[in-house]
Protein backbone atom coordinates (compact mmCIF):
# COMPACT_ATOMS: atom_id res chain seq x y z
CA MET A 1 -12.81 -37.58 94.42
CA ASP A 2 -15.72 -37.73 92.10
CA GLU A 3 -14.57 -37.47 88.73
CA ILE A 4 -12.30 -40.36 87.19
CA THR A 5 -8.79 -39.34 86.33
CA PHE A 6 -6.10 -40.97 84.11
CA ARG A 7 -2.68 -41.13 83.98
CA SER A 8 -1.34 -40.90 80.59
CA ASP A 9 -0.21 -44.68 80.99
CA THR A 10 -3.51 -45.75 81.47
CA VAL A 11 -5.24 -47.76 79.38
CA LEU A 12 -9.33 -48.51 80.04
CA SER A 13 -11.22 -50.78 77.55
CA ASP A 14 -13.77 -50.13 75.42
CA VAL A 15 -16.20 -52.31 77.23
CA HIS A 16 -16.02 -50.91 80.32
CA LEU A 17 -15.93 -47.19 78.69
CA TYR A 18 -19.55 -47.75 77.25
CA THR A 19 -21.19 -49.80 80.07
CA PRO A 20 -23.37 -47.93 83.03
CA ASN A 21 -21.36 -47.36 86.10
CA GLN A 22 -24.02 -49.21 87.80
CA ARG A 23 -23.32 -52.51 86.27
CA HIS A 24 -19.89 -52.41 87.87
CA LEU A 25 -19.49 -53.39 91.56
CA MET A 26 -15.98 -52.55 93.25
CA VAL A 27 -15.57 -55.46 95.49
CA ARG A 28 -11.77 -55.06 96.44
CA LEU A 29 -8.06 -53.96 95.88
CA ASN A 30 -6.02 -57.07 94.07
CA GLY A 31 -2.54 -57.57 95.22
CA MET A 32 -1.01 -54.47 93.21
CA GLY A 33 -3.44 -52.33 95.04
CA GLN A 34 -5.49 -51.49 91.70
CA PRO A 35 -9.55 -51.75 92.03
CA VAL A 36 -11.30 -54.75 90.96
CA PHE A 37 -14.69 -54.63 89.87
CA LEU A 38 -17.77 -57.60 88.97
CA SER A 39 -19.38 -57.73 86.41
CA GLN A 40 -21.83 -59.47 84.77
CA PHE A 41 -22.09 -60.89 81.39
CA LYS A 42 -25.68 -62.17 80.28
CA LEU A 43 -25.88 -65.21 77.85
CA LEU A 44 -29.33 -64.97 75.85
CA TRP A 45 -29.85 -68.51 75.57
CA ASP A 46 -33.21 -68.45 73.84
CA ARG A 47 -32.93 -67.16 70.10
CA ASP A 48 -36.70 -65.96 70.11
CA SER A 49 -36.65 -64.40 73.60
CA GLN A 50 -33.61 -62.98 72.27
CA THR A 51 -34.79 -61.16 68.78
CA ASP A 52 -37.67 -59.44 70.84
CA SER A 53 -35.10 -57.86 73.51
CA GLY A 54 -32.29 -57.07 71.44
CA ALA A 55 -29.19 -55.64 73.00
CA LYS A 56 -30.68 -54.49 76.07
CA GLY A 57 -30.95 -58.05 77.46
CA GLY A 58 -34.83 -58.36 78.30
CA ASP A 59 -36.62 -60.97 79.90
CA HIS A 60 -35.48 -64.77 78.65
CA THR A 61 -36.11 -67.99 78.75
CA GLU A 62 -33.38 -69.49 80.91
CA GLY A 63 -31.53 -72.70 79.78
CA THR A 64 -30.09 -74.99 81.46
CA PRO A 65 -26.20 -75.44 79.94
CA PRO A 66 -24.64 -79.06 79.72
CA THR A 67 -22.00 -79.26 82.01
CA GLY A 68 -18.01 -79.54 81.35
CA ALA A 69 -14.80 -80.15 83.11
CA VAL A 70 -12.56 -77.53 84.12
CA CYS A 71 -8.50 -77.42 84.23
CA SER A 72 -6.53 -75.03 85.91
CA ARG A 73 -3.25 -74.63 85.62
CA MET A 74 -2.90 -71.44 84.40
CA GLY A 75 -5.41 -73.30 83.38
CA ALA A 76 -9.76 -73.50 83.18
CA SER A 77 -13.10 -75.09 81.32
CA LEU A 78 -16.86 -74.81 80.71
CA GLN A 79 -20.66 -75.37 78.63
CA ALA A 80 -23.89 -73.38 77.07
CA GLY A 81 -26.30 -72.08 74.04
CA ALA A 82 -27.56 -69.79 71.18
CA GLY A 83 -29.18 -66.67 70.36
CA THR A 84 -29.81 -64.13 67.95
CA ILE A 85 -28.79 -60.47 67.63
CA THR A 86 -27.33 -58.33 64.15
CA PRO A 87 -26.18 -55.00 66.08
CA GLU A 88 -24.64 -52.32 63.60
CA GLY A 89 -21.11 -51.81 63.26
CA LEU A 90 -19.18 -49.13 64.21
CA GLU A 91 -16.93 -47.01 61.48
CA ALA A 92 -13.94 -44.81 62.52
CA GLN A 93 -14.86 -41.43 61.90
CA LEU A 94 -12.71 -38.87 60.21
CA ASP A 95 -12.94 -34.96 60.41
CA GLU A 96 -11.84 -32.64 57.90
CA ASP A 97 -8.61 -33.02 58.42
CA GLY A 98 -8.43 -36.27 58.65
CA ASP A 99 -8.09 -37.05 62.46
CA LEU A 100 -9.99 -39.14 64.22
CA ASP A 101 -13.54 -37.75 65.18
CA VAL A 102 -14.71 -38.50 68.98
CA VAL A 103 -18.62 -38.39 69.06
CA ARG A 104 -19.81 -38.56 72.60
CA ARG A 105 -22.73 -40.38 73.32
CA PRO A 106 -25.98 -37.58 74.31
CA ARG A 107 -27.16 -38.24 77.46
CA ALA A 108 -30.52 -39.42 77.95
CA ALA A 109 -32.82 -36.68 78.60
CA SER A 110 -35.73 -38.65 79.48
CA ALA A 111 -37.87 -38.53 83.09
CA SER A 112 -37.32 -42.32 82.41
CA GLU A 113 -33.63 -42.37 83.03
CA PRO A 114 -32.38 -44.43 86.11
CA LEU A 115 -31.63 -42.62 89.23
CA GLY A 116 -27.82 -42.93 89.89
CA PRO A 117 -24.53 -41.11 89.44
CA PRO A 118 -24.03 -40.41 85.90
CA ARG A 119 -21.65 -42.25 83.64
CA ASP A 120 -18.61 -39.98 83.89
CA LYS A 121 -18.58 -40.60 87.34
CA VAL A 122 -17.37 -43.33 89.93
CA HIS A 123 -18.76 -43.56 93.10
CA PRO A 124 -17.30 -47.01 94.33
CA THR A 125 -17.32 -48.42 97.97
CA ILE A 126 -13.56 -49.44 98.66
CA LEU A 127 -13.54 -53.08 100.70
CA THR A 128 -10.54 -54.55 102.36
CA GLN A 129 -7.75 -55.60 100.35
CA GLU A 130 -7.92 -58.76 98.54
CA GLU A 131 -11.43 -59.62 100.73
CA ASP A 132 -12.42 -63.64 100.70
CA ASP A 133 -16.01 -62.70 100.78
CA VAL A 134 -16.72 -60.56 97.94
CA LEU A 135 -20.30 -62.09 96.84
CA GLY A 136 -22.97 -61.56 99.72
CA ASP A 137 -25.56 -63.29 99.60
CA GLU A 138 -25.14 -64.12 95.76
CA ALA A 139 -23.37 -67.05 96.06
CA PRO A 140 -22.25 -68.81 92.89
CA GLU A 141 -24.41 -72.02 93.04
CA SER A 142 -27.40 -69.60 93.39
CA SER A 143 -26.26 -67.79 89.80
CA PRO A 144 -28.59 -68.27 86.87
CA TYR A 145 -27.19 -70.45 83.87
CA ASN A 146 -27.52 -67.47 81.77
CA VAL A 147 -25.00 -65.18 83.66
CA ILE A 148 -20.99 -65.24 83.56
CA LYS A 149 -19.55 -63.18 86.47
CA ILE A 150 -16.27 -61.56 85.82
CA GLU A 151 -14.03 -59.66 88.42
CA HIS A 152 -11.95 -57.26 86.30
CA THR A 153 -10.03 -53.90 86.79
CA MET A 154 -11.64 -50.93 85.23
CA ALA A 155 -8.11 -49.11 83.66
CA THR A 156 -4.71 -50.19 84.08
CA PRO A 157 -1.47 -49.55 82.59
CA LEU A 158 -0.48 -51.38 79.51
CA GLU A 159 1.41 -54.38 81.18
CA ASP A 160 -1.76 -54.86 82.94
CA VAL A 161 -4.83 -54.67 80.27
CA GLY A 162 -5.12 -58.71 80.62
CA LYS A 163 -7.31 -57.85 83.52
CA GLN A 164 -9.53 -55.97 81.71
CA VAL A 165 -12.30 -57.37 79.52
CA TRP A 166 -11.86 -56.53 75.63
CA ARG A 167 -14.58 -56.84 72.93
CA GLY A 168 -12.32 -59.63 71.09
CA ALA A 169 -13.13 -61.61 74.01
CA LEU A 170 -16.34 -61.56 73.76
CA LEU A 171 -16.41 -62.08 70.27
CA LEU A 172 -14.67 -65.14 70.63
CA ALA A 173 -16.86 -66.21 73.53
CA ASP A 174 -19.92 -65.97 71.21
CA TYR A 175 -17.99 -68.02 68.45
CA ILE A 176 -17.64 -70.88 70.99
CA LEU A 177 -21.58 -70.75 71.58
CA PHE A 178 -22.36 -70.41 67.98
CA GLN A 179 -20.14 -73.40 67.43
CA ARG A 180 -21.00 -75.87 70.47
CA ASP A 181 -20.64 -78.76 67.99
CA LEU A 182 -16.88 -77.57 66.97
CA PHE A 183 -15.72 -77.51 70.70
CA GLN A 184 -18.17 -80.37 72.25
CA GLY A 185 -15.76 -82.56 73.89
CA ARG A 186 -12.42 -81.14 72.89
CA THR A 187 -9.61 -80.31 74.50
CA VAL A 188 -8.71 -76.87 74.15
CA LEU A 189 -5.80 -74.27 75.08
CA GLU A 190 -6.23 -70.91 75.46
CA LEU A 191 -2.90 -68.30 75.23
CA GLY A 192 -3.25 -65.08 76.98
CA ALA A 193 -6.37 -66.10 78.57
CA GLY A 194 -6.46 -62.72 80.74
CA THR A 195 -9.82 -62.69 82.80
CA GLY A 196 -10.60 -66.11 81.57
CA LEU A 197 -13.80 -65.48 80.08
CA ALA A 198 -13.60 -67.22 76.61
CA SER A 199 -11.97 -70.39 78.65
CA ILE A 200 -15.06 -70.27 80.63
CA ILE A 201 -17.39 -69.81 78.10
CA ALA A 202 -15.60 -72.79 76.05
CA ALA A 203 -15.46 -75.16 79.38
CA THR A 204 -19.30 -75.22 79.02
CA VAL A 205 -18.91 -77.49 76.20
CA ALA A 206 -14.91 -78.85 75.94
CA GLN A 207 -13.55 -81.70 77.70
CA THR A 208 -10.80 -79.57 79.17
CA VAL A 209 -9.89 -76.51 78.97
CA TYR A 210 -6.02 -75.14 79.77
CA CYS A 211 -6.51 -71.46 80.40
CA THR A 212 -3.22 -69.81 80.41
CA ASP A 213 -1.27 -66.54 80.46
CA VAL A 214 1.33 -64.89 82.73
CA GLY A 215 1.84 -63.35 86.63
CA ALA A 216 0.28 -64.66 89.80
CA ASP A 217 -1.94 -61.93 90.19
CA LEU A 218 -3.93 -61.65 86.62
CA LEU A 219 -3.68 -65.97 87.63
CA ALA A 220 -5.33 -65.62 90.50
CA MET A 221 -7.78 -63.06 89.34
CA CYS A 222 -8.92 -66.20 86.89
CA GLN A 223 -8.96 -68.65 89.31
CA ARG A 224 -11.37 -66.49 91.09
CA ASN A 225 -13.39 -66.13 87.73
CA ILE A 226 -13.77 -69.64 87.67
CA ALA A 227 -14.52 -70.00 91.11
CA LEU A 228 -17.29 -67.58 90.76
CA ASN A 229 -18.67 -69.64 87.94
CA SER A 230 -18.77 -72.62 89.58
CA HIS A 231 -22.00 -73.22 89.03
CA LEU A 232 -21.15 -73.89 85.40
CA LEU A 233 -18.18 -75.97 85.45
CA ALA A 234 -16.30 -78.28 87.32
CA SER A 235 -13.08 -77.18 88.05
CA GLY A 236 -9.68 -79.48 88.34
CA ASP A 237 -6.88 -77.78 89.89
CA PRO A 238 -3.26 -78.62 90.39
CA GLU A 239 -1.47 -79.76 93.50
CA VAL A 240 0.83 -76.45 93.75
CA PRO A 241 -0.97 -73.52 92.06
CA PHE A 242 -0.44 -72.23 88.13
CA SER A 243 2.04 -75.25 87.63
CA TRP A 244 1.95 -78.15 85.40
CA SER A 245 2.85 -81.67 85.83
CA LYS A 246 3.79 -83.98 83.89
CA GLU A 247 0.70 -85.96 82.98
CA ASP A 248 -0.84 -82.44 82.30
CA ILE A 249 1.65 -81.66 79.63
CA SER A 250 1.48 -85.32 78.37
CA HIS A 251 -2.37 -85.06 78.04
CA LEU A 252 -1.99 -81.39 76.64
CA TYR A 253 -0.04 -82.96 73.93
CA SER A 254 -2.11 -85.90 72.98
CA HIS A 255 -5.32 -84.15 73.17
CA THR A 256 -5.44 -80.61 72.13
CA THR A 257 -7.16 -80.09 69.01
CA ILE A 258 -8.14 -76.45 69.32
CA LEU A 259 -5.92 -73.14 70.07
CA LEU A 260 -7.39 -69.94 71.26
CA ALA A 261 -6.04 -66.44 71.46
CA ALA A 262 -8.00 -62.90 71.80
CA GLU A 263 -6.85 -59.52 71.81
CA VAL A 264 -3.09 -60.16 72.25
CA PHE A 265 -1.96 -58.56 69.21
CA TYR A 266 -1.91 -55.01 70.07
CA ASP A 267 1.95 -54.64 70.37
CA ASP A 268 4.28 -56.34 68.09
CA ASP A 269 6.50 -58.12 70.29
CA LEU A 270 3.66 -59.95 71.52
CA THR A 271 2.48 -60.82 68.58
CA ASP A 272 5.64 -62.58 67.74
CA ALA A 273 5.88 -64.63 71.10
CA VAL A 274 1.97 -65.38 70.46
CA PHE A 275 2.87 -66.99 66.76
CA LYS A 276 6.10 -68.43 67.81
CA THR A 277 4.36 -70.15 70.68
CA LEU A 278 1.54 -71.13 68.30
CA SER A 279 4.06 -72.80 66.12
CA ARG A 280 6.00 -74.64 68.78
CA LEU A 281 2.86 -76.04 69.84
CA ALA A 282 1.31 -77.13 66.48
CA HIS A 283 5.11 -78.98 66.31
CA LYS A 284 4.29 -80.69 69.48
CA LEU A 285 1.01 -81.92 69.09
CA LYS A 286 0.06 -85.44 68.02
CA ASN A 287 -3.36 -84.14 66.20
CA ALA A 288 -3.95 -81.58 63.65
CA CYS A 289 -5.52 -78.33 65.65
CA THR A 290 -7.34 -75.21 64.73
CA ALA A 291 -6.21 -72.04 66.21
CA ILE A 292 -9.22 -69.62 66.44
CA LEU A 293 -7.49 -65.53 66.60
CA SER A 294 -9.28 -62.71 67.87
CA VAL A 295 -8.44 -59.32 67.25
CA GLU A 296 -9.72 -55.58 66.72
CA LYS A 297 -8.24 -53.55 64.18
CA ARG A 298 -7.36 -50.30 66.17
CA LEU A 299 -6.73 -47.26 64.53
CA ASN A 300 -4.60 -44.85 65.48
CA PHE A 301 -2.60 -41.35 64.22
CA THR A 302 0.77 -41.60 64.10
CA LEU A 303 3.87 -38.79 63.78
CA ARG A 304 5.94 -41.20 61.61
CA HIS A 305 3.34 -41.49 59.17
CA LEU A 306 1.57 -38.53 59.81
CA ASP A 307 -2.00 -40.54 59.23
CA VAL A 308 -4.59 -42.82 60.80
CA THR A 309 -2.77 -46.50 60.80
CA CYS A 310 -2.99 -49.89 62.11
CA GLU A 311 0.25 -50.71 62.61
CA ALA A 312 -0.44 -53.61 65.46
CA TYR A 313 -3.16 -54.95 62.98
CA ASP A 314 -0.78 -54.73 59.83
CA HIS A 315 1.95 -57.09 62.01
CA PHE A 316 -0.70 -59.51 62.93
CA ARG A 317 -1.82 -59.77 59.12
CA ALA A 318 1.58 -60.14 58.12
CA TRP A 319 2.05 -63.02 60.59
CA LEU A 320 -0.61 -64.84 59.08
CA GLN A 321 1.23 -64.45 55.17
CA ARG A 322 4.15 -65.92 56.74
CA LEU A 323 2.40 -68.84 57.95
CA GLU A 324 0.65 -69.38 54.90
CA GLY A 325 3.54 -69.07 53.02
CA LEU A 326 5.60 -71.84 54.34
CA ALA A 327 6.51 -74.38 52.24
CA GLY A 328 8.67 -77.43 52.53
CA GLY A 329 7.63 -78.57 55.90
CA ARG A 330 6.00 -81.40 57.97
CA LEU A 331 3.11 -78.88 58.54
CA ARG A 332 0.97 -77.22 56.65
CA PHE A 333 -0.35 -74.05 57.76
CA ALA A 334 -4.03 -72.38 55.96
CA VAL A 335 -5.69 -69.35 57.17
CA GLU A 336 -8.91 -68.12 56.40
CA PRO A 337 -10.99 -65.53 57.85
CA VAL A 338 -14.73 -65.77 59.49
CA ASP A 339 -17.68 -64.25 58.94
CA ALA A 340 -18.66 -62.12 61.67
CA THR A 341 -21.83 -62.06 61.42
CA PHE A 342 -22.96 -65.14 63.45
CA PRO A 343 -25.49 -64.76 66.15
CA GLN A 344 -24.72 -62.35 69.10
CA LEU A 345 -25.00 -64.28 72.28
CA LEU A 346 -23.85 -61.52 74.88
CA VAL A 347 -24.41 -58.04 75.29
CA TYR A 348 -21.56 -56.11 74.00
CA GLU A 349 -20.88 -53.68 70.84
CA ARG A 350 -19.78 -55.59 68.12
CA ILE A 351 -18.02 -53.36 65.59
CA GLN A 352 -16.97 -53.66 62.22
CA GLN A 353 -13.31 -53.54 63.25
CA LEU A 354 -13.36 -57.09 65.38
CA GLU A 355 -12.19 -59.74 63.45
CA LEU A 356 -11.78 -63.67 63.81
CA TRP A 357 -9.05 -65.89 61.73
CA LYS A 358 -8.74 -69.33 61.90
CA ILE A 359 -5.36 -71.53 61.24
CA PHE A 360 -6.06 -75.03 60.24
CA VAL A 361 -2.91 -76.80 61.08
CA GLU A 362 -2.66 -80.50 59.78
CA PRO A 363 0.66 -82.62 58.76
CA VAL A 364 1.97 -82.99 54.93
CA THR A 365 1.34 -86.55 54.01
CA ASP A 366 3.52 -86.06 50.91
CA PRO A 367 5.90 -88.63 50.95
CA THR A 368 8.11 -86.24 48.98
CA VAL A 369 8.22 -83.20 50.78
CA SER A 370 11.42 -82.82 52.77
CA VAL A 371 11.63 -81.64 56.08
CA ASP A 372 14.00 -78.51 56.27
CA THR A 373 14.03 -75.29 59.04
CA ALA A 374 10.18 -74.55 57.84
CA SER A 375 9.46 -77.56 59.46
CA GLN A 376 11.11 -76.29 62.61
CA PRO A 377 9.20 -73.78 65.31
CA PHE A 378 10.04 -70.01 64.45
CA SER A 379 13.28 -69.01 66.50
């Protein structure tokens, strides 16, 4: 079968849709029989060389990142550098009827176009299911410090989208690389980490990163990605896979000051669960904390509105307003957007619909403030 075929319930990440097929190596089938691919994401460490190379990622002077420690419960950790790119954002194009106008990229007609299968075709080599040795000659210890290796799927049902790489995770990873001082020596918790990309980047600077998600198959993929990038981080694995010890929980509540979440706001029920979890965590942490959330404002035509809307994004924004409007509790939530014009250190399309938000959580010190139901986590 040469042509790509998708069922009606298949979801495909734009990161994979816009990346040439030859950059993805199919390495195995996961426990659910889904094809797993290995992709390399180049870190543009050198600021000057990055300006010359642009988004194509040319030759760069390789830097040596600091070393960090990693925790893997549903958890992980890492360290990295800086660079500069200012790509043009993409706006949603509408036709004369107001429908989304999908413009396909023209094929390169030059003779210099690399040989290989067309971008709309896949010619994978299927290896044995759950094969252990998928790296071949490329052992993790021989990997350069400017490459992050990530195993992921290419297309999944909606319930398995965490196994793909999404632009929001790359934007969050970019921000971590840009604001390394903010993460230096910290304890970080990521909710809904998916393939673990953002957690792995965070672990290059943080002291400890707890990389969490739901589902043994997804967590196993995340654990493999930590192993693939062992040249960048130290891993701390629990005695029982994907479990929490009392010491882990105590350390988490005592030391965590940064919470991360990327691309987990595409469904209203999931958004509700994420914000309720953030609230419960904030009330249990012993220190003031900052939550950094990455979201893509996705436009969809709905029959209910007969118009292009972004309902999932609107629900996300309503939660931010709800948090900021809380009063009378023992915690204060301050929300602010992050200017997304910071340098781009990973090669991807940074479109205008990608956003970062910060939630600052601090205890209320005013002794006249009474503790009422607003001080408790959302039920």
